[in-house]
PDB file of N, CA and C in Angstrom:
ATOM      1  N   UNK A   1      22.792 130.836-141.442  1.00  0.00           N
ATOM      2  CA  UNK A   1      23.576 131.895-140.829  1.00  0.00           C
ATOM      3  C   UNK A   1      23.373 133.212-141.576  1.00  0.00           C
ATOM      4  N   UNK A   2      23.130 133.122-142.874  1.00  0.00           N
ATOM      5  CA  UNK A   2      22.919 134.322-143.680  1.00  0.00           C
ATOM      6  C   UNK A   2      21.676 135.085-143.225  1.00  0.00           C
ATOM      7  N   UNK A   3      20.587 134.356-142.955  1.00  0.00           N
ATOM      8  CA  UNK A   3      19.353 135.004-142.514  1.00  0.00           C
ATOM      9  C   UNK A   3      19.556 135.676-141.158  1.00  0.00           C
ATOM     10  N   UNK A   4      20.211 134.998-140.244  1.00  0.00           N
ATOM     11  CA  UNK A   4      20.473 135.580-138.919  1.00  0.00           C
ATOM     12  C   UNK A   4      21.384 136.794-139.034  1.00  0.00           C
ATOM     13  N   UNK A   5      22.401 136.703-139.873  1.00  0.00           N
ATOM     14  CA  UNK A   5      23.321 137.821-140.049  1.00  0.00           C
ATOM     15  C   UNK A   5      22.649 139.035-140.665  1.00  0.00           C
ATOM     16  N   UNK A   6      21.780 138.813-141.644  1.00  0.00           N
ATOM     17  CA  UNK A   6      21.079 139.928-142.270  1.00  0.00           C
ATOM     18  C   UNK A   6      20.006 140.510-141.358  1.00  0.00           C
ATOM     19  N   UNK A   7      19.408 139.673-140.520  1.00  0.00           N
ATOM     20  CA  UNK A   7      18.336 140.143-139.636  1.00  0.00           C
ATOM     21  C   UNK A   7      18.862 141.002-138.491  1.00  0.00           C
ATOM     22  N   UNK A   8      19.904 140.530-137.823  1.00  0.00           N
ATOM     23  CA  UNK A   8      20.380 141.213-136.613  1.00  0.00           C
ATOM     24  C   UNK A   8      21.862 141.560-136.653  1.00  0.00           C
ATOM     25  N   UNK A   9      22.614 140.847-137.469  1.00  0.00           N
ATOM     26  CA  UNK A   9      24.053 141.004-137.436  1.00  0.00           C
ATOM     27  C   UNK A   9      24.589 142.293-138.014  1.00  0.00           C
ATOM     28  N   UNK A  10      23.814 142.949-138.850  1.00  0.00           N
ATOM     29  CA  UNK A  10      24.300 144.177-139.479  1.00  0.00           C
ATOM     30  C   UNK A  10      24.500 145.319-138.481  1.00  0.00           C
ATOM     31  N   UNK A  11      23.796 145.267-137.374  1.00  0.00           N
ATOM     32  CA  UNK A  11      23.866 146.348-136.388  1.00  0.00           C
ATOM     33  C   UNK A  11      24.596 145.954-135.108  1.00  0.00           C
ATOM     34  N   UNK A  12      25.278 144.812-135.112  1.00  0.00           N
ATOM     35  CA  UNK A  12      25.851 144.300-133.870  1.00  0.00           C
ATOM     36  C   UNK A  12      26.818 145.280-133.217  1.00  0.00           C
ATOM     37  N   UNK A  13      27.542 146.049-134.006  1.00  0.00           N
ATOM     38  CA  UNK A  13      28.528 146.961-133.411  1.00  0.00           C
ATOM     39  C   UNK A  13      27.911 148.294-132.960  1.00  0.00           C
ATOM     40  N   UNK A  14      26.656 148.538-133.289  1.00  0.00           N
ATOM     41  CA  UNK A  14      26.000 149.791-132.888  1.00  0.00           C
ATOM     42  C   UNK A  14      25.081 149.618-131.687  1.00  0.00           C
ATOM     43  N   UNK A  15      24.776 148.376-131.356  1.00  0.00           N
ATOM     44  CA  UNK A  15      23.874 148.114-130.240  1.00  0.00           C
ATOM     45  C   UNK A  15      24.665 148.050-128.946  1.00  0.00           C
ATOM     46  N   UNK A  16      24.079 148.547-127.903  1.00  0.00           N
ATOM     47  CA  UNK A  16      24.731 148.476-126.594  1.00  0.00           C
ATOM     48  C   UNK A  16      24.242 147.255-125.839  1.00  0.00           C
ATOM     49  N   UNK A  17      24.317 147.335-124.538  1.00  0.00           N
ATOM     50  CA  UNK A  17      23.781 146.269-123.704  1.00  0.00           C
ATOM     51  C   UNK A  17      22.270 146.417-123.627  1.00  0.00           C
ATOM     52  N   UNK A  18      21.576 145.309-123.574  1.00  0.00           N
ATOM     53  CA  UNK A  18      20.152 145.347-123.312  1.00  0.00           C
ATOM     54  C   UNK A  18      19.960 145.558-121.817  1.00  0.00           C
ATOM     55  N   UNK A  19      18.803 146.037-121.428  1.00  0.00           N
ATOM     56  CA  UNK A  19      18.586 146.431-120.031  1.00  0.00           C
ATOM     57  C   UNK A  19      18.767 145.262-119.075  1.00  0.00           C
ATOM     58  N   UNK A  20      18.597 144.032-119.534  1.00  0.00           N
ATOM     59  CA  UNK A  20      18.756 142.878-118.651  1.00  0.00           C
ATOM     60  C   UNK A  20      20.217 142.575-118.336  1.00  0.00           C
ATOM     61  N   UNK A  21      21.129 143.063-119.145  1.00  0.00           N
ATOM     62  CA  UNK A  21      22.553 142.757-118.930  1.00  0.00           C
ATOM     63  C   UNK A  21      23.209 143.662-117.897  1.00  0.00           C
ATOM     64  N   UNK A  22      22.685 144.873-117.724  1.00  0.00           N
ATOM     65  CA  UNK A  22      23.322 145.811-116.804  1.00  0.00           C
ATOM     66  C   UNK A  22      23.423 145.274-115.380  1.00  0.00           C
ATOM     67  N   UNK A  23      22.336 144.755-114.784  1.00  0.00           N
ATOM     68  CA  UNK A  23      22.496 144.246-113.416  1.00  0.00           C
ATOM     69  C   UNK A  23      23.432 143.048-113.330  1.00  0.00           C
ATOM     70  N   UNK A  24      23.395 142.195-114.335  1.00  0.00           N
ATOM     71  CA  UNK A  24      24.261 141.009-114.337  1.00  0.00           C
ATOM     72  C   UNK A  24      25.724 141.432-114.387  1.00  0.00           C
ATOM     73  N   UNK A  25      26.043 142.358-115.266  1.00  0.00           N
ATOM     74  CA  UNK A  25      27.428 142.809-115.381  1.00  0.00           C
ATOM     75  C   UNK A  25      27.868 143.584-114.143  1.00  0.00           C
ATOM     76  N   UNK A  26      26.936 144.326-113.536  1.00  0.00           N
ATOM     77  CA  UNK A  26      27.283 145.034-112.306  1.00  0.00           C
ATOM     78  C   UNK A  26      27.604 144.048-111.186  1.00  0.00           C
ATOM     79  N   UNK A  27      26.761 143.024-111.037  1.00  0.00           N
ATOM     80  CA  UNK A  27      27.003 142.009-110.009  1.00  0.00           C
ATOM     81  C   UNK A  27      28.318 141.295-110.264  1.00  0.00           C
ATOM     82  N   UNK A  28      28.576 140.939-111.523  1.00  0.00           N
ATOM     83  CA  UNK A  28      29.827 140.252-111.853  1.00  0.00           C
ATOM     84  C   UNK A  28      31.030 141.136-111.568  1.00  0.00           C
ATOM     85  N   UNK A  29      30.903 142.434-111.833  1.00  0.00           N
ATOM     86  CA  UNK A  29      32.003 143.361-111.609  1.00  0.00           C
ATOM     87  C   UNK A  29      32.235 143.622-110.125  1.00  0.00           C
ATOM     88  N   UNK A  30      31.153 143.821-109.373  1.00  0.00           N
ATOM     89  CA  UNK A  30      31.279 144.172-107.953  1.00  0.00           C
ATOM     90  C   UNK A  30      31.504 142.966-107.045  1.00  0.00           C
ATOM     91  N   UNK A  31      30.767 141.886-107.306  1.00  0.00           N
ATOM     92  CA  UNK A  31      30.776 140.744-106.400  1.00  0.00           C
ATOM     93  C   UNK A  31      31.503 139.523-106.955  1.00  0.00           C
ATOM     94  N   UNK A  32      31.874 139.594-108.230  1.00  0.00           N
ATOM     95  CA  UNK A  32      32.598 138.483-108.836  1.00  0.00           C
ATOM     96  C   UNK A  32      31.682 137.331-109.216  1.00  0.00           C
ATOM     97  N   UNK A  33      32.266 136.268-109.733  1.00  0.00           N
ATOM     98  CA  UNK A  33      31.470 135.112-110.155  1.00  0.00           C
ATOM     99  C   UNK A  33      30.663 134.486-109.015  1.00  0.00           C
ATOM    100  N   UNK A  34      31.200 134.525-107.806  1.00  0.00           N
ATOM    101  CA  UNK A  34      30.474 133.974-106.659  1.00  0.00           C
ATOM    102  C   UNK A  34      29.200 134.763-106.386  1.00  0.00           C
ATOM    103  N   UNK A  35      29.260 136.073-106.617  1.00  0.00           N
ATOM    104  CA  UNK A  35      28.087 136.917-106.429  1.00  0.00           C
ATOM    105  C   UNK A  35      26.961 136.563-107.384  1.00  0.00           C
ATOM    106  N   UNK A  36      27.316 136.189-108.617  1.00  0.00           N
ATOM    107  CA  UNK A  36      26.296 135.768-109.571  1.00  0.00           C
ATOM    108  C   UNK A  36      25.621 134.486-109.109  1.00  0.00           C
ATOM    109  N   UNK A  37      26.403 133.556-108.610  1.00  0.00           N
ATOM    110  CA  UNK A  37      25.829 132.304-108.118  1.00  0.00           C
ATOM    111  C   UNK A  37      24.893 132.579-106.944  1.00  0.00           C
ATOM    112  N   UNK A  38      25.281 133.484-106.042  1.00  0.00           N
ATOM    113  CA  UNK A  38      24.429 133.828-104.900  1.00  0.00           C
ATOM    114  C   UNK A  38      23.157 134.561-105.334  1.00  0.00           C
ATOM    115  N   UNK A  39      23.283 135.423-106.331  1.00  0.00           N
ATOM    116  CA  UNK A  39      22.142 136.195-106.812  1.00  0.00           C
ATOM    117  C   UNK A  39      21.050 135.281-107.366  1.00  0.00           C
ATOM    118  N   UNK A  40      21.441 134.244-108.091  1.00  0.00           N
ATOM    119  CA  UNK A  40      20.473 133.366-108.736  1.00  0.00           C
ATOM    120  C   UNK A  40      20.140 132.108-107.936  1.00  0.00           C
ATOM    121  N   UNK A  41      20.779 131.886-106.796  1.00  0.00           N
ATOM    122  CA  UNK A  41      20.634 130.593-106.131  1.00  0.00           C
ATOM    123  C   UNK A  41      19.233 130.303-105.618  1.00  0.00           C
ATOM    124  N   UNK A  42      18.430 131.315-105.318  1.00  0.00           N
ATOM    125  CA  UNK A  42      17.109 131.046-104.753  1.00  0.00           C
ATOM    126  C   UNK A  42      16.054 130.716-105.803  1.00  0.00           C
ATOM    127  N   UNK A  43      16.155 131.276-107.006  1.00  0.00           N
ATOM    128  CA  UNK A  43      15.094 131.030-107.981  1.00  0.00           C
ATOM    129  C   UNK A  43      15.563 130.401-109.298  1.00  0.00           C
ATOM    130  N   UNK A  44      16.799 130.631-109.694  1.00  0.00           N
ATOM    131  CA  UNK A  44      17.315 130.077-110.950  1.00  0.00           C
ATOM    132  C   UNK A  44      18.779 129.690-110.775  1.00  0.00           C
ATOM    133  N   UNK A  45      19.057 128.625-110.045  1.00  0.00           N
ATOM    134  CA  UNK A  45      20.453 128.289-109.740  1.00  0.00           C
ATOM    135  C   UNK A  45      21.273 127.930-110.973  1.00  0.00           C
ATOM    136  N   UNK A  46      20.662 127.359-111.992  1.00  0.00           N
ATOM    137  CA  UNK A  46      21.411 127.012-113.192  1.00  0.00           C
ATOM    138  C   UNK A  46      21.873 128.260-113.935  1.00  0.00           C
ATOM    139  N   UNK A  47      21.059 129.324-113.908  1.00  0.00           N
ATOM    140  CA  UNK A  47      21.440 130.575-114.560  1.00  0.00           C
ATOM    141  C   UNK A  47      22.692 131.167-113.937  1.00  0.00           C
ATOM    142  N   UNK A  48      22.821 131.026-112.628  1.00  0.00           N
ATOM    143  CA  UNK A  48      24.023 131.525-111.964  1.00  0.00           C
ATOM    144  C   UNK A  48      25.277 130.886-112.531  1.00  0.00           C
ATOM    145  N   UNK A  49      25.214 129.590-112.795  1.00  0.00           N
ATOM    146  CA  UNK A  49      26.362 128.901-113.393  1.00  0.00           C
ATOM    147  C   UNK A  49      26.612 129.368-114.821  1.00  0.00           C
ATOM    148  N   UNK A  50      25.538 129.561-115.563  1.00  0.00           N
ATOM    149  CA  UNK A  50      25.683 130.019-116.960  1.00  0.00           C
ATOM    150  C   UNK A  50      26.290 131.417-117.002  1.00  0.00           C
ATOM    151  N   UNK A  51      25.753 132.326-116.191  1.00  0.00           N
ATOM    152  CA  UNK A  51      26.291 133.691-116.196  1.00  0.00           C
ATOM    153  C   UNK A  51      27.701 133.747-115.630  1.00  0.00           C
ATOM    154  N   UNK A  52      27.993 132.882-114.710  1.00  0.00           N
ATOM    155  CA  UNK A  52      29.371 132.806-114.197  1.00  0.00           C
ATOM    156  C   UNK A  52      30.335 132.474-115.320  1.00  0.00           C
ATOM    157  N   UNK A  53      29.957 131.505-116.124  1.00  0.00           N
ATOM    158  CA  UNK A  53      30.804 131.088-117.244  1.00  0.00           C
ATOM    159  C   UNK A  53      30.885 132.168-118.324  1.00  0.00           C
ATOM    160  N   UNK A  54      29.725 132.700-118.721  1.00  0.00           N
ATOM    161  CA  UNK A  54      29.731 133.659-119.829  1.00  0.00           C
ATOM    162  C   UNK A  54      30.390 134.982-119.460  1.00  0.00           C
ATOM    163  N   UNK A  55      30.172 135.481-118.244  1.00  0.00           N
ATOM    164  CA  UNK A  55      30.831 136.729-117.881  1.00  0.00           C
ATOM    165  C   UNK A  55      32.330 136.534-117.716  1.00  0.00           C
ATOM    166  N   UNK A  56      32.737 135.353-117.320  1.00  0.00           N
ATOM    167  CA  UNK A  56      34.179 135.080-117.234  1.00  0.00           C
ATOM    168  C   UNK A  56      34.814 135.035-118.620  1.00  0.00           C
ATOM    169  N   UNK A  57      34.106 134.436-119.570  1.00  0.00           N
ATOM    170  CA  UNK A  57      34.651 134.312-120.926  1.00  0.00           C
ATOM    171  C   UNK A  57      34.524 135.599-121.747  1.00  0.00           C
ATOM    172  N   UNK A  58      33.358 136.239-121.660  1.00  0.00           N
ATOM    173  CA  UNK A  58      33.087 137.388-122.521  1.00  0.00           C
ATOM    174  C   UNK A  58      33.442 138.727-121.883  1.00  0.00           C
ATOM    175  N   UNK A  59      33.495 138.758-120.575  1.00  0.00           N
ATOM    176  CA  UNK A  59      33.794 140.020-119.905  1.00  0.00           C
ATOM    177  C   UNK A  59      32.619 140.974-119.991  1.00  0.00           C
ATOM    178  N   UNK A  60      32.863 142.214-119.696  1.00  0.00           N
ATOM    179  CA  UNK A  60      31.807 143.214-119.732  1.00  0.00           C
ATOM    180  C   UNK A  60      32.253 144.507-120.368  1.00  0.00           C
ATOM    181  N   UNK A  61      33.420 144.497-121.001  1.00  0.00           N
ATOM    182  CA  UNK A  61      33.965 145.736-121.542  1.00  0.00           C
ATOM    183  C   UNK A  61      33.409 146.108-122.913  1.00  0.00           C
ATOM    184  N   UNK A  62      33.010 145.121-123.695  1.00  0.00           N
ATOM    185  CA  UNK A  62      32.598 145.379-125.076  1.00  0.00           C
ATOM    186  C   UNK A  62      31.210 144.805-125.328  1.00  0.00           C
ATOM    187  N   UNK A  63      30.216 145.669-125.526  1.00  0.00           N
ATOM    188  CA  UNK A  63      28.856 145.175-125.779  1.00  0.00           C
ATOM    189  C   UNK A  63      28.743 144.357-127.059  1.00  0.00           C
ATOM    190  N   UNK A  64      29.554 144.651-128.068  1.00  0.00           N
ATOM    191  CA  UNK A  64      29.437 143.930-129.326  1.00  0.00           C
ATOM    192  C   UNK A  64      29.788 142.450-129.160  1.00  0.00           C
ATOM    193  N   UNK A  65      30.620 142.115-128.182  1.00  0.00           N
ATOM    194  CA  UNK A  65      30.940 140.708-127.929  1.00  0.00           C
ATOM    195  C   UNK A  65      29.681 139.980-127.464  1.00  0.00           C
ATOM    196  N   UNK A  66      28.901 140.618-126.590  1.00  0.00           N
ATOM    197  CA  UNK A  66      27.660 140.019-126.137  1.00  0.00           C
ATOM    198  C   UNK A  66      26.644 139.946-127.267  1.00  0.00           C
ATOM    199  N   UNK A  67      26.643 140.929-128.161  1.00  0.00           N
ATOM    200  CA  UNK A  67      25.729 140.896-129.297  1.00  0.00           C
ATOM    201  C   UNK A  67      26.043 139.712-130.215  1.00  0.00           C
ATOM    202  N   UNK A  68      27.316 139.492-130.505  1.00  0.00           N
ATOM    203  CA  UNK A  68      27.716 138.350-131.341  1.00  0.00           C
ATOM    204  C   UNK A  68      27.369 137.036-130.646  1.00  0.00           C
ATOM    205  N   UNK A  69      27.605 136.975-129.349  1.00  0.00           N
ATOM    206  CA  UNK A  69      27.273 135.776-128.584  1.00  0.00           C
ATOM    207  C   UNK A  69      25.773 135.492-128.642  1.00  0.00           C
ATOM    208  N   UNK A  70      24.958 136.515-128.439  1.00  0.00           N
ATOM    209  CA  UNK A  70      23.506 136.362-128.513  1.00  0.00           C
ATOM    210  C   UNK A  70      23.039 135.960-129.896  1.00  0.00           C
ATOM    211  N   UNK A  71      23.630 136.556-130.921  1.00  0.00           N
ATOM    212  CA  UNK A  71      23.278 136.208-132.297  1.00  0.00           C
ATOM    213  C   UNK A  71      23.637 134.761-132.599  1.00  0.00           C
ATOM    214  N   UNK A  72      24.775 134.312-132.112  1.00  0.00           N
ATOM    215  CA  UNK A  72      25.188 132.925-132.324  1.00  0.00           C
ATOM    216  C   UNK A  72      24.233 131.962-131.623  1.00  0.00           C
ATOM    217  N   UNK A  73      23.853 132.271-130.390  1.00  0.00           N
ATOM    218  CA  UNK A  73      22.901 131.415-129.681  1.00  0.00           C
ATOM    219  C   UNK A  73      21.540 131.410-130.372  1.00  0.00           C
ATOM    220  N   UNK A  74      21.128 132.555-130.870  1.00  0.00           N
ATOM    221  CA  UNK A  74      19.856 132.648-131.594  1.00  0.00           C
ATOM    222  C   UNK A  74      19.907 131.800-132.864  1.00  0.00           C
ATOM    223  N   UNK A  75      21.021 131.839-133.571  1.00  0.00           N
ATOM    224  CA  UNK A  75      21.185 131.033-134.773  1.00  0.00           C
ATOM    225  C   UNK A  75      21.176 129.538-134.435  1.00  0.00           C
ATOM    226  N   UNK A  76      21.856 129.154-133.359  1.00  0.00           N
ATOM    227  CA  UNK A  76      21.858 127.750-132.943  1.00  0.00           C
ATOM    228  C   UNK A  76      20.452 127.279-132.565  1.00  0.00           C
ATOM    229  N   UNK A  77      19.679 128.136-131.907  1.00  0.00           N
ATOM    230  CA  UNK A  77      18.303 127.782-131.568  1.00  0.00           C
ATOM    231  C   UNK A  77      17.456 127.628-132.828  1.00  0.00           C
ATOM    232  N   UNK A  78      17.680 128.491-133.829  1.00  0.00           N
ATOM    233  CA  UNK A  78      16.977 128.364-135.107  1.00  0.00           C
ATOM    234  C   UNK A  78      17.324 127.072-135.819  1.00  0.00           C
ATOM    235  N   UNK A  79      18.584 126.684-135.754  1.00  0.00           N
ATOM    236  CA  UNK A  79      18.996 125.405-136.342  1.00  0.00           C
ATOM    237  C   UNK A  79      18.346 124.236-135.609  1.00  0.00           C
ATOM    238  N   UNK A  80      18.252 124.349-134.294  1.00  0.00           N
ATOM    239  CA  UNK A  80      17.590 123.306-133.510  1.00  0.00           C
ATOM    240  C   UNK A  80      16.118 123.184-133.864  1.00  0.00           C
ATOM    241  N   UNK A  81      15.443 124.314-134.051  1.00  0.00           N
ATOM    242  CA  UNK A  81      14.043 124.289-134.462  1.00  0.00           C
ATOM    243  C   UNK A  81      13.912 123.668-135.843  1.00  0.00           C
ATOM    244  N   UNK A  82      14.780 124.052-136.761  1.00  0.00           N
ATOM    245  CA  UNK A  82      14.749 123.499-138.113  1.00  0.00           C
ATOM    246  C   UNK A  82      14.930 121.978-138.087  1.00  0.00           C
ATOM    247  N   UNK A  83      15.870 121.489-137.278  1.00  0.00           N
ATOM    248  CA  UNK A  83      16.086 120.044-137.189  1.00  0.00           C
ATOM    249  C   UNK A  83      14.887 119.328-136.567  1.00  0.00           C
ATOM    250  N   UNK A  84      14.259 119.966-135.600  1.00  0.00           N
ATOM    251  CA  UNK A  84      13.079 119.363-134.981  1.00  0.00           C
ATOM    252  C   UNK A  84      11.924 119.280-135.970  1.00  0.00           C
ATOM    253  N   UNK A  85      11.679 120.370-136.700  1.00  0.00           N
ATOM    254  CA  UNK A  85      10.612 120.369-137.706  1.00  0.00           C
ATOM    255  C   UNK A  85      10.951 119.387-138.824  1.00  0.00           C
ATOM    256  N   UNK A  86      12.198 119.219-139.136  1.00  0.00           N
ATOM    257  CA  UNK A  86      12.616 118.251-140.155  1.00  0.00           C
ATOM    258  C   UNK A  86      12.262 116.827-139.727  1.00  0.00           C
ATOM    259  N   UNK A  87      12.361 116.539-138.437  1.00  0.00           N
ATOM    260  CA  UNK A  87      11.970 115.217-137.943  1.00  0.00           C
ATOM    261  C   UNK A  87      10.459 115.013-138.024  1.00  0.00           C
ATOM    262  N   UNK A  88       9.697 116.096-137.801  1.00  0.00           N
ATOM    263  CA  UNK A  88       8.239 115.993-137.832  1.00  0.00           C
ATOM    264  C   UNK A  88       7.727 115.877-139.258  1.00  0.00           C
ATOM    265  N   UNK A  89       8.266 116.699-140.176  1.00  0.00           N
ATOM    266  CA  UNK A  89       7.866 116.683-141.582  1.00  0.00           C
ATOM    267  C   UNK A  89       9.070 116.344-142.451  1.00  0.00           C
ATOM    268  N   UNK A  90       9.442 115.092-142.567  1.00  0.00           N
ATOM    269  CA  UNK A  90      10.662 114.746-143.294  1.00  0.00           C
ATOM    270  C   UNK A  90      10.617 115.030-144.798  1.00  0.00           C
ATOM    271  N   UNK A  91       9.429 115.064-145.399  1.00  0.00           N
ATOM    272  CA  UNK A  91       9.348 115.234-146.865  1.00  0.00           C
ATOM    273  C   UNK A  91       8.851 116.604-147.293  1.00  0.00           C
ATOM    274  N   UNK A  92       8.642 117.502-146.371  1.00  0.00           N
ATOM    275  CA  UNK A  92       8.104 118.818-146.709  1.00  0.00           C
ATOM    276  C   UNK A  92       9.142 119.892-146.420  1.00  0.00           C
ATOM    277  N   UNK A  93       9.918 120.222-147.431  1.00  0.00           N
ATOM    278  CA  UNK A  93      11.013 121.169-147.242  1.00  0.00           C
ATOM    279  C   UNK A  93      10.558 122.615-146.995  1.00  0.00           C
ATOM    280  N   UNK A  94       9.597 123.168-147.736  1.00  0.00           N
ATOM    281  CA  UNK A  94       9.218 124.579-147.493  1.00  0.00           C
ATOM    282  C   UNK A  94       8.792 124.886-146.060  1.00  0.00           C
ATOM    283  N   UNK A  95       7.935 124.057-145.400  1.00  0.00           N
ATOM    284  CA  UNK A  95       7.599 124.399-144.010  1.00  0.00           C
ATOM    285  C   UNK A  95       8.807 124.362-143.076  1.00  0.00           C
ATOM    286  N   UNK A  96       9.752 123.459-143.336  1.00  0.00           N
ATOM    287  CA  UNK A  96      10.943 123.385-142.487  1.00  0.00           C
ATOM    288  C   UNK A  96      11.751 124.655-142.588  1.00  0.00           C
ATOM    289  N   UNK A  97      12.046 125.056-143.804  1.00  0.00           N
ATOM    290  CA  UNK A  97      12.849 126.275-144.002  1.00  0.00           C
ATOM    291  C   UNK A  97      12.102 127.509-143.520  1.00  0.00           C
ATOM    292  N   UNK A  98      10.797 127.547-143.756  1.00  0.00           N
ATOM    293  CA  UNK A  98       9.998 128.683-143.323  1.00  0.00           C
ATOM    294  C   UNK A  98       9.970 128.826-141.809  1.00  0.00           C
ATOM    295  N   UNK A  99       9.856 127.703-141.103  1.00  0.00           N
ATOM    296  CA  UNK A  99       9.834 127.745-139.641  1.00  0.00           C
ATOM    297  C   UNK A  99      11.171 128.240-139.101  1.00  0.00           C
ATOM    298  N   UNK A 100      12.263 127.729-139.653  1.00  0.00           N
ATOM    299  CA  UNK A 100      13.582 128.161-139.197  1.00  0.00           C
ATOM    300  C   UNK A 100      13.840 129.631-139.481  1.00  0.00           C
ATOM    301  N   UNK A 101      13.476 130.081-140.679  1.00  0.00           N
ATOM    302  CA  UNK A 101      13.692 131.487-141.043  1.00  0.00           C
ATOM    303  C   UNK A 101      12.791 132.418-140.229  1.00  0.00           C
ATOM    304  N   UNK A 102      11.533 132.010-140.015  1.00  0.00           N
ATOM    305  CA  UNK A 102      10.636 132.838-139.211  1.00  0.00           C
ATOM    306  C   UNK A 102      11.166 132.987-137.788  1.00  0.00           C
ATOM    307  N   UNK A 103      11.678 131.907-137.239  1.00  0.00           N
ATOM    308  CA  UNK A 103      12.243 131.977-135.896  1.00  0.00           C
ATOM    309  C   UNK A 103      13.416 132.944-135.850  1.00  0.00           C
ATOM    310  N   UNK A 104      14.255 132.946-136.877  1.00  0.00           N
ATOM    311  CA  UNK A 104      15.412 133.845-136.895  1.00  0.00           C
ATOM    312  C   UNK A 104      15.016 135.306-137.095  1.00  0.00           C
ATOM    313  N   UNK A 105      13.974 135.532-137.873  1.00  0.00           N
ATOM    314  CA  UNK A 105      13.577 136.903-138.194  1.00  0.00           C
ATOM    315  C   UNK A 105      12.678 137.499-137.114  1.00  0.00           C
ATOM    316  N   UNK A 106      11.929 136.667-136.413  1.00  0.00           N
ATOM    317  CA  UNK A 106      11.010 137.165-135.393  1.00  0.00           C
ATOM    318  C   UNK A 106      11.788 137.991-134.365  1.00  0.00           C
ATOM    319  N   UNK A 107      11.268 139.155-133.986  1.00  0.00           N
ATOM    320  CA  UNK A 107      12.047 140.068-133.133  1.00  0.00           C
ATOM    321  C   UNK A 107      12.130 139.633-131.669  1.00  0.00           C
ATOM    322  N   UNK A 108      12.915 138.613-131.415  1.00  0.00           N
ATOM    323  CA  UNK A 108      13.124 138.169-130.042  1.00  0.00           C
ATOM    324  C   UNK A 108      13.926 139.207-129.278  1.00  0.00           C
ATOM    325  N   UNK A 109      14.815 139.894-129.958  1.00  0.00           N
ATOM    326  CA  UNK A 109      15.644 140.915-129.331  1.00  0.00           C
ATOM    327  C   UNK A 109      14.907 142.247-129.342  1.00  0.00           C
ATOM    328  N   UNK A 110      13.642 142.258-128.921  1.00  0.00           N
ATOM    329  CA  UNK A 110      12.831 143.466-129.005  1.00  0.00           C
ATOM    330  C   UNK A 110      13.142 144.470-127.908  1.00  0.00           C
ATOM    331  N   UNK A 111      13.853 144.077-126.874  1.00  0.00           N
ATOM    332  CA  UNK A 111      14.207 145.026-125.823  1.00  0.00           C
ATOM    333  C   UNK A 111      15.102 146.112-126.398  1.00  0.00           C
ATOM    334  N   UNK A 112      14.851 147.309-126.007  1.00  0.00           N
ATOM    335  CA  UNK A 112      15.674 148.397-126.508  1.00  0.00           C
ATOM    336  C   UNK A 112      17.032 148.397-125.802  1.00  0.00           C
ATOM    337  N   UNK A 113      18.099 148.486-126.558  1.00  0.00           N
ATOM    338  CA  UNK A 113      19.411 148.546-125.915  1.00  0.00           C
ATOM    339  C   UNK A 113      19.577 149.895-125.206  1.00  0.00           C
ATOM    340  N   UNK A 114      20.279 149.861-124.119  1.00  0.00           N
ATOM    341  CA  UNK A 114      20.562 151.109-123.416  1.00  0.00           C
ATOM    342  C   UNK A 114      22.039 151.439-123.549  1.00  0.00           C
ATOM    343  N   UNK A 115      22.334 152.667-123.559  1.00  0.00           N
ATOM    344  CA  UNK A 115      23.726 153.098-123.730  1.00  0.00           C
ATOM    345  C   UNK A 115      24.167 153.890-122.542  1.00  0.00           C
TER     346      UNK A 115
END
């Protein structure tokens, strides 16, 4: 968690929404949760359910809430990668830690936030 926090967490309150969140939040605001399900039903129906849940829980008023949520999911994915590599190389600790840390530091959040 320390690596994830130092990599991205220091700026969580200064970052706005990423460009991909604006249409989702607009649809959720204008059309409600049902609108999200309809928007994604033709190509990604599972995403509609996920966004329905997350926009209901997190809302759209505070971008920093979404930043913390994204950072937490990124950290959980890094932990999952670390556990997977641990199963592949049970006796080699440096590659396991290196893979997990590289995944956390790699700029997955490279999209520029918009304000």
